[in-house]
Amino acid sequence: MGASSITELNAELESQANQVIRKRISQELGRHALLQHAVNKNRAFIIPKINQAINEKEWQIEVVSATYGSLDVTSRIWQFLREDHSTSQIFLPSNVFFGGFDPMPMRVKAFILVCCMTPPPSDGISFFQTKRFLEGQPVTFDYDITLPRFIAPATSPHNIIILDASYHTWDVTKIVAEIAATQKEWPLIIQANNAQFGKNPVPGIGKQLSITYAYRSPDGDGVLDHHVQVVNEDDTITIPLQPSTIHVDLTIHAAYWADLDVTQLLRSRVSQNQTLLIDTSTIHSFDPWFNVLKTLSIMYQYTNGPLQLTVCDDRSGVIFIGPTRSLQRNFFNPADPQEDKLNIFAVVWGGMWSHPEPLDVSQFEWIAERRRFPCTNEWFGFDGRLNWPKTCHVFYQFGTSGAIRCMAIREGQECHLPEMPRASLCIIDQM
């Protein structure tokens, strides 16, 4: 048999295998007429049964990242896939499905999904897929071994791979990858605006930028871990260098959930590799403020690193704190701490909605000098969480050697910070 005949035979066999797979998927969906009817009406999100390929073996699916508007919803999609798949599953990407929280009010949000799929029989070949849909559009997973295989760059500067970058639903992966390849100074900073990408994909509509990236091992063998960052238009994504192999310790200085001190609880959850994973829907068995959307504020620090502050709420999904995460410094007082004063590091009012920057310098000075202020929208000059009761979290320190503390006050009450202890003053005088 000639070479051309062999080639034609292989092509025919591959075509027949693909037809078998498609037929089996079609048969499976046919057993769910009601769901198929919903799809035809453009109202359903169908994921066929995973167990429906050659030799009854299962597809292996790894959700690398999922974002909805400016919200990281990776854990919610993981939860969805872990549910019973005895029947096909239905959902539409919407505020309701992702917990009732609208991350970008009055704007149509994009749903971006990056997943890694390994078809049966598993031979080590995996396919990366990116799905980009608008809010309310039905989405489907495609089980097709003819998908193009993802090929990582032969040389990746600083061992960083840009797996996906989406500006609204526009694929800007190549643009971000080229910026990373030519970047001389790190961290990599990407602006979420039209000027960065040279185009406005949807004029007149607020957008978000989602970047999914991974660190490769120094010898190039495999991917260490995946990360995703998502921000609103006009915000910035900062991708740090690959973490050093030098051991660093994670210190949780202070953490409050509404007005409940959860510092010790979160300290107990720090892993051996000095990271912290928090499911914001199950922070504590005790609910300090029933039926109210509560703010979680965590001030932390890695060895010899700057103070950082994470602010989220009950509907933020799973929050990751680790040495590879970009610096969280949005709400810090720009003034340097002083040895003989009450130093105010940061003040969090509600969830700091519509206020991504710190308080005015004059407000920090007011709090440090008078040690009291009313916790109201009028005093702050903005509503930190529209139409919800709020808490105020004040992170402070006596001098520069005392413990970093936090005080939590509910809306409508007045904050009274303590005076600087005499013992602290004596210690400072002796230094």
Protein backbone atom coordinates (compact mmCIF):
# COMPACT_ATOMS: atom_id res chain seq x y z
CA MET A 1 0.00 0.00 0.00
CA GLY A 2 1.40 3.41 -1.00
CA ALA A 3 2.05 6.32 1.36
CA SER A 4 -0.89 8.28 -0.06
CA SER A 5 -3.22 5.34 0.55
CA ILE A 6 -2.08 5.07 4.16
CA THR A 7 -2.67 8.79 4.65
CA GLU A 8 -6.15 8.54 3.17
CA LEU A 9 -6.94 5.53 5.39
CA ASN A 10 -5.81 7.36 8.56
CA ALA A 11 -7.93 10.37 7.63
CA GLU A 12 -10.94 8.12 7.09
CA LEU A 13 -10.46 6.36 10.44
CA GLU A 14 -10.10 9.68 12.25
CA SER A 15 -13.28 10.95 10.59
CA GLN A 16 -15.16 7.79 11.61
CA ALA A 17 -13.96 8.14 15.24
CA ASN A 18 -15.16 11.72 15.36
CA GLN A 19 -18.52 10.68 13.93
CA VAL A 20 -18.87 8.03 16.66
CA ILE A 21 -18.21 10.57 19.38
CA ARG A 22 -20.64 13.10 17.90
CA LYS A 23 -23.29 10.39 17.50
CA ARG A 24 -22.94 9.31 21.14
CA ILE A 25 -23.19 12.89 22.35
CA SER A 26 -26.28 13.39 20.19
CA GLN A 27 -27.87 10.21 21.59
CA GLU A 28 -27.22 11.34 25.15
CA LEU A 29 -28.78 14.75 24.54
CA GLY A 30 -31.70 13.09 22.78
CA ARG A 31 -32.63 11.34 26.01
CA HIS A 32 -33.26 14.75 27.55
CA ALA A 33 -35.94 16.19 25.28
CA LEU A 34 -37.03 18.81 27.76
CA LEU A 35 -33.54 20.20 28.06
CA GLN A 36 -33.08 20.11 24.29
CA HIS A 37 -36.30 22.10 23.93
CA ALA A 38 -34.91 24.72 26.33
CA VAL A 39 -31.74 24.96 24.23
CA ASN A 40 -33.79 25.51 21.10
CA LYS A 41 -35.45 28.45 22.84
CA ASN A 42 -32.00 29.89 23.59
CA ARG A 43 -32.59 29.72 27.34
CA ALA A 44 -30.44 26.79 28.45
CA PHE A 45 -26.84 26.03 29.31
CA ILE A 46 -26.21 22.36 28.56
CA ILE A 47 -23.23 20.35 29.70
CA PRO A 48 -23.54 16.80 28.30
CA LYS A 49 -22.69 13.93 30.56
CA ILE A 50 -18.96 13.67 30.99
CA ASN A 51 -19.04 9.90 30.60
CA GLN A 52 -19.78 9.62 26.89
CA ALA A 53 -16.69 8.95 24.84
CA ILE A 54 -14.65 6.02 23.58
CA ASN A 55 -14.68 2.89 25.80
CA GLU A 56 -17.02 4.65 28.30
CA LYS A 57 -14.08 6.52 29.79
CA GLU A 58 -14.48 10.01 31.22
CA TRP A 59 -13.28 13.36 30.02
CA GLN A 60 -11.06 15.05 32.57
CA ILE A 61 -11.99 18.71 33.00
CA GLU A 62 -10.02 21.28 34.98
CA VAL A 63 -11.48 24.73 35.44
CA VAL A 64 -8.46 27.01 35.21
CA SER A 65 -10.37 30.25 35.72
CA ALA A 66 -13.83 31.77 35.43
CA THR A 67 -14.77 35.43 35.68
CA TYR A 68 -18.11 37.20 35.54
CA GLY A 69 -17.76 40.92 35.07
CA SER A 70 -15.10 41.95 37.58
CA LEU A 71 -15.82 38.92 39.83
CA ASP A 72 -13.68 35.78 40.09
CA VAL A 73 -16.24 32.93 39.99
CA THR A 74 -13.83 30.00 39.51
CA SER A 75 -15.01 28.26 42.69
CA ARG A 76 -18.67 28.55 41.63
CA ILE A 77 -17.99 26.80 38.31
CA TRP A 78 -15.97 24.13 40.13
CA GLN A 79 -19.00 23.60 42.37
CA PHE A 80 -21.26 23.36 39.34
CA LEU A 81 -19.12 20.66 37.70
CA ARG A 82 -18.92 18.67 40.94
CA GLU A 83 -22.71 18.43 41.07
CA ASP A 84 -24.51 15.27 40.00
CA HIS A 85 -24.21 14.81 36.22
CA SER A 86 -26.73 11.97 35.95
CA THR A 87 -28.68 14.44 33.85
CA SER A 88 -27.53 17.41 31.85
CA GLN A 89 -27.13 20.63 33.79
CA ILE A 90 -28.75 23.96 32.97
CA PHE A 91 -27.72 27.49 33.88
CA LEU A 92 -27.25 30.92 32.42
CA PRO A 93 -24.39 33.20 33.54
CA SER A 94 -26.28 35.81 35.56
CA ASN A 95 -26.29 37.71 38.86
CA VAL A 96 -28.68 35.13 40.31
CA PHE A 97 -26.49 32.15 39.43
CA PHE A 98 -23.39 33.80 40.90
CA GLY A 99 -24.98 34.58 44.27
CA GLY A 100 -27.25 37.53 43.56
CA PHE A 101 -24.40 40.03 43.56
CA ASP A 102 -24.01 42.41 40.61
CA PRO A 103 -20.28 43.21 40.24
CA MET A 104 -20.93 45.83 37.54
CA PRO A 105 -24.38 47.39 38.08
CA MET A 106 -26.28 48.68 35.05
CA ARG A 107 -23.78 47.05 32.66
CA VAL A 108 -23.89 43.90 30.58
CA LYS A 109 -21.19 41.63 31.94
CA ALA A 110 -18.96 39.14 30.15
CA PHE A 111 -18.51 35.56 31.33
CA ILE A 112 -14.99 34.26 30.58
CA LEU A 113 -14.18 30.58 31.15
CA VAL A 114 -10.73 29.00 30.71
CA CYS A 115 -10.65 25.23 31.11
CA CYS A 116 -8.26 22.38 30.40
CA MET A 117 -9.83 19.26 28.90
CA THR A 118 -8.25 15.83 28.52
CA PRO A 119 -10.23 13.47 26.26
CA PRO A 120 -10.34 9.71 26.74
CA PRO A 121 -8.33 7.62 26.49
CA SER A 122 -6.04 9.91 28.45
CA ASP A 123 -2.61 9.97 26.85
CA GLY A 124 -1.31 13.14 28.43
CA ILE A 125 -2.67 15.38 25.66
CA SER A 126 -4.79 18.25 26.96
CA PHE A 127 -6.64 21.07 25.25
CA PHE A 128 -7.09 24.58 26.62
CA GLN A 129 -10.39 26.19 25.79
CA THR A 130 -11.54 29.76 26.36
CA LYS A 131 -15.24 30.61 26.27
CA ARG A 132 -16.40 34.23 26.04
CA PHE A 133 -20.09 34.99 26.46
CA LEU A 134 -22.26 37.89 27.51
CA GLU A 135 -24.53 37.87 30.53
CA GLY A 136 -27.63 35.76 29.87
CA GLN A 137 -26.25 33.91 26.84
CA PRO A 138 -26.37 30.07 27.00
CA VAL A 139 -22.93 28.45 27.12
CA THR A 140 -21.85 24.91 26.20
CA PHE A 141 -18.76 22.81 26.71
CA ASP A 142 -17.55 21.16 23.49
CA TYR A 143 -16.29 17.59 23.84
CA ASP A 144 -14.32 17.23 20.63
CA ILE A 145 -10.87 15.67 20.33
CA THR A 146 -10.27 17.64 17.14
CA LEU A 147 -9.76 20.81 19.20
CA PRO A 148 -6.38 22.45 18.53
CA ARG A 149 -3.86 21.57 21.18
CA PHE A 150 -2.55 24.43 23.30
CA ILE A 151 1.18 24.88 22.70
CA ALA A 152 3.03 26.97 25.25
CA PRO A 153 5.78 29.31 24.02
CA ALA A 154 9.15 27.63 23.64
CA THR A 155 10.73 30.46 25.62
CA SER A 156 8.66 32.34 28.16
CA PRO A 157 10.24 35.39 29.82
CA HIS A 158 10.46 34.83 33.58
CA ASN A 159 8.67 31.46 33.03
CA ILE A 160 5.27 33.17 32.80
CA ILE A 161 2.64 31.98 30.31
CA ILE A 162 -0.35 34.13 29.37
CA LEU A 163 -3.11 31.56 28.91
CA ASP A 164 -5.86 34.04 28.18
CA ALA A 165 -6.55 37.76 28.21
CA SER A 166 -10.07 39.01 27.52
CA TYR A 167 -11.12 42.65 27.31
CA HIS A 168 -14.90 42.33 27.59
CA THR A 169 -15.38 39.47 25.07
CA TRP A 170 -12.48 40.54 22.84
CA ASP A 171 -9.48 38.18 22.76
CA VAL A 172 -6.38 40.24 23.63
CA THR A 173 -4.18 37.29 24.63
CA LYS A 174 -1.66 37.91 21.86
CA ILE A 175 -1.35 41.59 22.77
CA VAL A 176 -0.70 40.88 26.46
CA ALA A 177 1.72 38.03 25.61
CA GLU A 178 3.72 40.37 23.36
CA ILE A 179 3.89 42.98 26.13
CA ALA A 180 5.13 40.29 28.53
CA ALA A 181 7.74 39.09 26.02
CA THR A 182 9.22 42.58 25.58
CA GLN A 183 8.87 43.76 29.19
CA LYS A 184 12.26 44.67 30.67
CA GLU A 185 11.17 45.65 34.15
CA TRP A 186 8.79 43.62 36.30
CA PRO A 187 6.13 43.31 37.64
CA LEU A 188 4.10 43.27 34.44
CA ILE A 189 1.52 46.08 34.51
CA ILE A 190 -1.45 46.00 32.12
CA GLN A 191 -3.89 48.91 31.96
CA ALA A 192 -7.53 48.01 31.40
CA ASN A 193 -8.35 50.70 28.87
CA ASN A 194 -8.84 51.22 25.15
CA ALA A 195 -5.43 52.88 24.73
CA GLN A 196 -3.67 49.73 26.00
CA PHE A 197 -5.26 47.58 23.27
CA GLY A 198 -5.67 50.19 20.53
CA LYS A 199 -9.37 49.56 20.14
CA ASN A 200 -12.72 50.00 21.87
CA PRO A 201 -14.50 46.67 21.27
CA VAL A 202 -17.89 47.89 22.56
CA PRO A 203 -18.20 51.71 22.56
CA GLY A 204 -20.38 53.15 25.28
CA ILE A 205 -20.29 49.99 27.42
CA GLY A 206 -18.26 49.54 30.62
CA LYS A 207 -15.81 46.66 30.22
CA GLN A 208 -13.60 44.42 32.31
CA LEU A 209 -10.16 42.91 31.73
CA SER A 210 -9.54 39.29 32.71
CA ILE A 211 -6.04 37.76 32.50
CA THR A 212 -5.31 34.09 33.22
CA TYR A 213 -1.65 33.22 33.53
CA ALA A 214 0.61 30.47 34.87
CA TYR A 215 4.14 30.05 36.16
CA ARG A 216 6.30 27.33 34.64
CA SER A 217 9.05 25.54 36.51
CA PRO A 218 12.54 26.97 35.84
CA ASP A 219 13.52 23.88 33.83
CA GLY A 220 10.41 24.26 31.65
CA ASP A 221 8.82 20.99 32.74
CA GLY A 222 5.13 21.59 33.27
CA VAL A 223 3.10 24.42 34.79
CA LEU A 224 3.43 25.20 38.46
CA ASP A 225 0.10 26.89 39.07
CA HIS A 226 -2.59 29.04 37.49
CA HIS A 227 -3.78 32.49 38.50
CA VAL A 228 -6.48 34.85 37.33
CA GLN A 229 -6.95 38.56 37.85
CA VAL A 230 -9.95 40.57 36.73
CA VAL A 231 -10.58 44.32 37.06
CA ASN A 232 -12.98 46.99 35.85
CA GLU A 233 -12.15 49.23 32.93
CA ASP A 234 -9.58 51.93 33.85
CA ASP A 235 -8.14 49.75 36.64
CA THR A 236 -4.76 47.97 36.50
CA ILE A 237 -3.65 44.33 36.60
CA THR A 238 -0.20 43.68 38.07
CA ILE A 239 1.42 40.30 37.42
CA PRO A 240 4.37 39.66 39.76
CA LEU A 241 7.49 37.68 39.02
CA GLN A 242 7.53 33.98 39.75
CA PRO A 243 7.80 33.52 43.51
CA SER A 244 11.24 32.96 44.94
CA THR A 245 12.20 29.61 46.38
CA ILE A 246 13.29 31.44 49.55
CA HIS A 247 10.87 30.66 52.38
CA VAL A 248 8.65 33.51 53.52
CA ASP A 249 6.19 33.57 56.41
CA LEU A 250 2.65 34.88 56.18
CA THR A 251 1.53 37.01 59.14
CA ILE A 252 -2.15 37.81 59.60
CA HIS A 253 -2.00 41.02 61.63
CA ALA A 254 -5.73 41.64 62.02
CA ALA A 255 -8.95 40.45 60.36
CA TYR A 256 -12.59 41.37 60.93
CA TRP A 257 -15.77 39.99 59.40
CA ALA A 258 -18.34 42.75 59.98
CA ASP A 259 -17.66 43.41 63.69
CA LEU A 260 -16.46 39.88 64.50
CA ASP A 261 -12.73 39.41 65.13
CA VAL A 262 -11.60 36.44 63.00
CA THR A 263 -7.86 37.07 63.27
CA GLN A 264 -7.03 33.88 65.20
CA LEU A 265 -9.38 31.81 63.04
CA LEU A 266 -7.66 32.84 59.81
CA ARG A 267 -4.21 32.41 61.36
CA SER A 268 -5.13 28.79 62.08
CA ARG A 269 -6.01 28.27 58.41
CA VAL A 270 -2.67 29.36 56.96
CA SER A 271 -1.23 26.38 55.07
CA GLN A 272 2.27 24.96 55.41
CA ASN A 273 3.31 26.71 52.21
CA GLN A 274 2.23 30.02 53.77
CA THR A 275 -0.90 30.62 51.74
CA LEU A 276 -4.48 31.21 52.81
CA LEU A 277 -7.60 30.07 50.97
CA ILE A 278 -10.88 31.52 52.24
CA ASP A 279 -14.37 30.52 51.15
CA THR A 280 -16.21 33.77 51.87
CA SER A 281 -19.56 31.95 52.10
CA THR A 282 -18.40 29.92 55.12
CA ILE A 283 -16.04 32.15 57.07
CA HIS A 284 -17.37 31.36 60.54
CA SER A 285 -20.11 29.21 62.06
CA PHE A 286 -21.42 32.29 63.90
CA ASP A 287 -23.12 35.02 61.87
CA PRO A 288 -22.33 38.39 63.49
CA TRP A 289 -24.94 40.31 61.49
CA PHE A 290 -27.74 38.10 60.20
CA ASN A 291 -29.20 38.80 56.76
CA VAL A 292 -26.68 41.58 56.06
CA LEU A 293 -23.95 41.52 53.41
CA LYS A 294 -20.79 41.65 55.54
CA THR A 295 -17.33 42.99 54.74
CA LEU A 296 -14.22 40.90 55.44
CA SER A 297 -11.02 42.95 55.85
CA ILE A 298 -7.66 41.22 56.33
CA MET A 299 -4.37 43.03 56.96
CA TYR A 300 -1.41 40.75 56.35
CA GLN A 301 2.29 40.76 55.52
CA TYR A 302 4.95 38.44 54.13
CA THR A 303 8.46 38.38 55.57
CA ASN A 304 10.21 41.71 54.87
CA GLY A 305 7.36 42.70 52.56
CA PRO A 306 4.94 45.64 52.77
CA LEU A 307 1.65 45.53 54.63
CA GLN A 308 -1.25 44.41 52.45
CA LEU A 309 -5.01 44.63 52.84
CA THR A 310 -7.65 42.42 51.25
CA VAL A 311 -11.26 43.64 51.30
CA CYS A 312 -14.13 41.42 50.15
CA ASP A 313 -17.62 40.32 51.21
CA ASP A 314 -19.76 37.22 51.66
CA ARG A 315 -20.34 36.82 47.93
CA SER A 316 -16.76 37.07 46.73
CA GLY A 317 -16.29 33.33 46.27
CA VAL A 318 -12.92 31.83 47.22
CA ILE A 319 -10.20 34.36 48.09
CA PHE A 320 -6.54 33.38 47.73
CA ILE A 321 -3.69 35.02 49.65
CA GLY A 322 -0.22 33.96 48.57
CA PRO A 323 3.25 35.33 47.76
CA THR A 324 2.46 35.32 44.01
CA ARG A 325 -0.58 37.55 44.35
CA SER A 326 -0.29 41.15 43.21
CA LEU A 327 0.17 43.71 46.00
CA GLN A 328 -3.08 44.69 47.72
CA ARG A 329 -2.42 48.31 48.71
CA ASN A 330 -5.53 50.18 47.53
CA PHE A 331 -6.72 51.73 50.78
CA PHE A 332 -3.52 52.56 52.66
CA ASN A 333 -2.70 55.91 54.24
CA PRO A 334 0.03 57.49 52.08
CA ALA A 335 1.70 59.03 55.16
CA ASP A 336 4.62 57.16 56.74
CA PRO A 337 4.12 55.85 60.30
CA GLN A 338 5.83 57.74 63.14
CA GLU A 339 7.28 56.43 66.37
CA ASP A 340 5.50 58.68 68.85
CA LYS A 341 2.02 58.78 67.35
CA LEU A 342 -1.13 56.80 66.75
CA ASN A 343 -0.65 55.60 63.17
CA ILE A 344 -3.72 54.91 61.04
CA PHE A 345 -2.79 52.44 58.30
CA ALA A 346 -6.13 52.04 56.53
CA VAL A 347 -9.85 52.68 56.94
CA VAL A 348 -12.45 50.52 55.19
CA TRP A 349 -16.00 51.87 54.94
CA GLY A 350 -18.45 49.15 53.90
CA GLY A 351 -16.94 47.44 50.87
CA MET A 352 -15.43 50.69 49.54
CA TRP A 353 -17.82 50.44 46.58
CA SER A 354 -17.33 53.21 44.03
CA HIS A 355 -14.25 54.29 46.00
CA PRO A 356 -11.18 52.24 44.93
CA GLU A 357 -8.72 54.66 46.54
CA PRO A 358 -7.91 55.47 50.20
CA LEU A 359 -9.62 58.15 52.27
CA ASP A 360 -8.52 61.74 51.90
CA VAL A 361 -5.31 62.62 53.75
CA SER A 362 -7.24 65.14 55.88
CA GLN A 363 -9.53 62.33 57.10
CA PHE A 364 -6.56 60.17 58.14
CA GLU A 365 -5.15 63.18 60.01
CA TRP A 366 -8.51 63.84 61.68
CA ILE A 367 -8.72 60.25 62.98
CA ALA A 368 -5.10 60.19 64.21
CA GLU A 369 -5.40 63.50 66.06
CA ARG A 370 -8.96 63.29 67.46
CA ARG A 371 -9.29 59.48 67.66
CA ARG A 372 -13.04 59.71 67.04
CA PHE A 373 -15.39 60.24 64.12
CA PRO A 374 -18.97 59.34 63.12
CA CYS A 375 -19.40 56.29 60.90
CA THR A 376 -21.78 57.79 58.36
CA ASN A 377 -21.87 58.32 54.60
CA GLU A 378 -21.88 62.06 55.25
CA TRP A 379 -18.57 61.98 57.12
CA PHE A 380 -16.87 59.69 54.61
CA GLY A 381 -18.30 61.50 51.61
CA PHE A 382 -19.41 58.31 49.82
CA ASP A 383 -21.57 55.23 50.35
CA GLY A 384 -19.28 52.23 50.81
CA ARG A 385 -22.09 49.74 50.10
CA LEU A 386 -25.23 51.12 48.51
CA ASN A 387 -28.51 50.30 50.30
CA TRP A 388 -26.85 47.99 52.85
CA PRO A 389 -25.92 48.51 56.52
CA LYS A 390 -22.15 48.88 56.77
CA THR A 391 -19.23 48.48 59.13
CA CYS A 392 -16.12 50.60 59.40
CA HIS A 393 -12.76 48.85 59.88
CA VAL A 394 -9.90 50.98 61.23
CA PHE A 395 -6.42 49.44 61.18
CA TYR A 396 -3.98 51.22 63.49
CA GLN A 397 -0.77 50.87 65.46
CA PHE A 398 0.73 52.65 68.48
CA GLY A 399 4.15 53.89 67.37
CA THR A 400 6.07 51.68 64.96
CA SER A 401 6.77 48.66 67.15
CA GLY A 402 3.35 47.89 68.63
CA ALA A 403 0.93 45.26 67.40
CA ILE A 404 -1.24 46.17 64.42
CA ARG A 405 -4.86 46.22 65.54
CA CYS A 406 -8.30 46.74 64.08
CA MET A 407 -11.47 48.32 65.43
CA ALA A 408 -14.86 47.58 63.87
CA ILE A 409 -17.83 49.95 64.20
CA ARG A 410 -21.33 49.64 62.76
CA GLU A 411 -22.92 52.36 60.67
CA GLY A 412 -24.52 55.13 62.71
CA GLN A 413 -22.19 54.66 65.68
CA GLU A 414 -19.16 56.76 66.56
CA CYS A 415 -15.64 55.35 66.46
CA HIS A 416 -13.59 55.91 69.64
CA LEU A 417 -9.99 54.82 69.27
CA PRO A 418 -8.00 54.36 72.49
CA GLU A 419 -5.29 56.74 73.59
CA MET A 420 -1.68 55.70 73.21
CA PRO A 421 -0.76 53.54 76.26
CA ARG A 422 1.75 55.03 78.69
CA ALA A 423 3.83 51.85 78.57
CA SER A 424 4.26 52.32 74.82
CA LEU A 425 5.38 55.89 75.36
CA CYS A 426 8.01 54.79 77.91
CA ILE A 427 9.35 52.12 75.55
CA ILE A 428 9.66 54.65 72.76
CA ASP A 429 11.44 57.14 75.04
CA GLN A 430 14.04 54.50 75.98
CA MET A 431 14.81 53.59 72.36
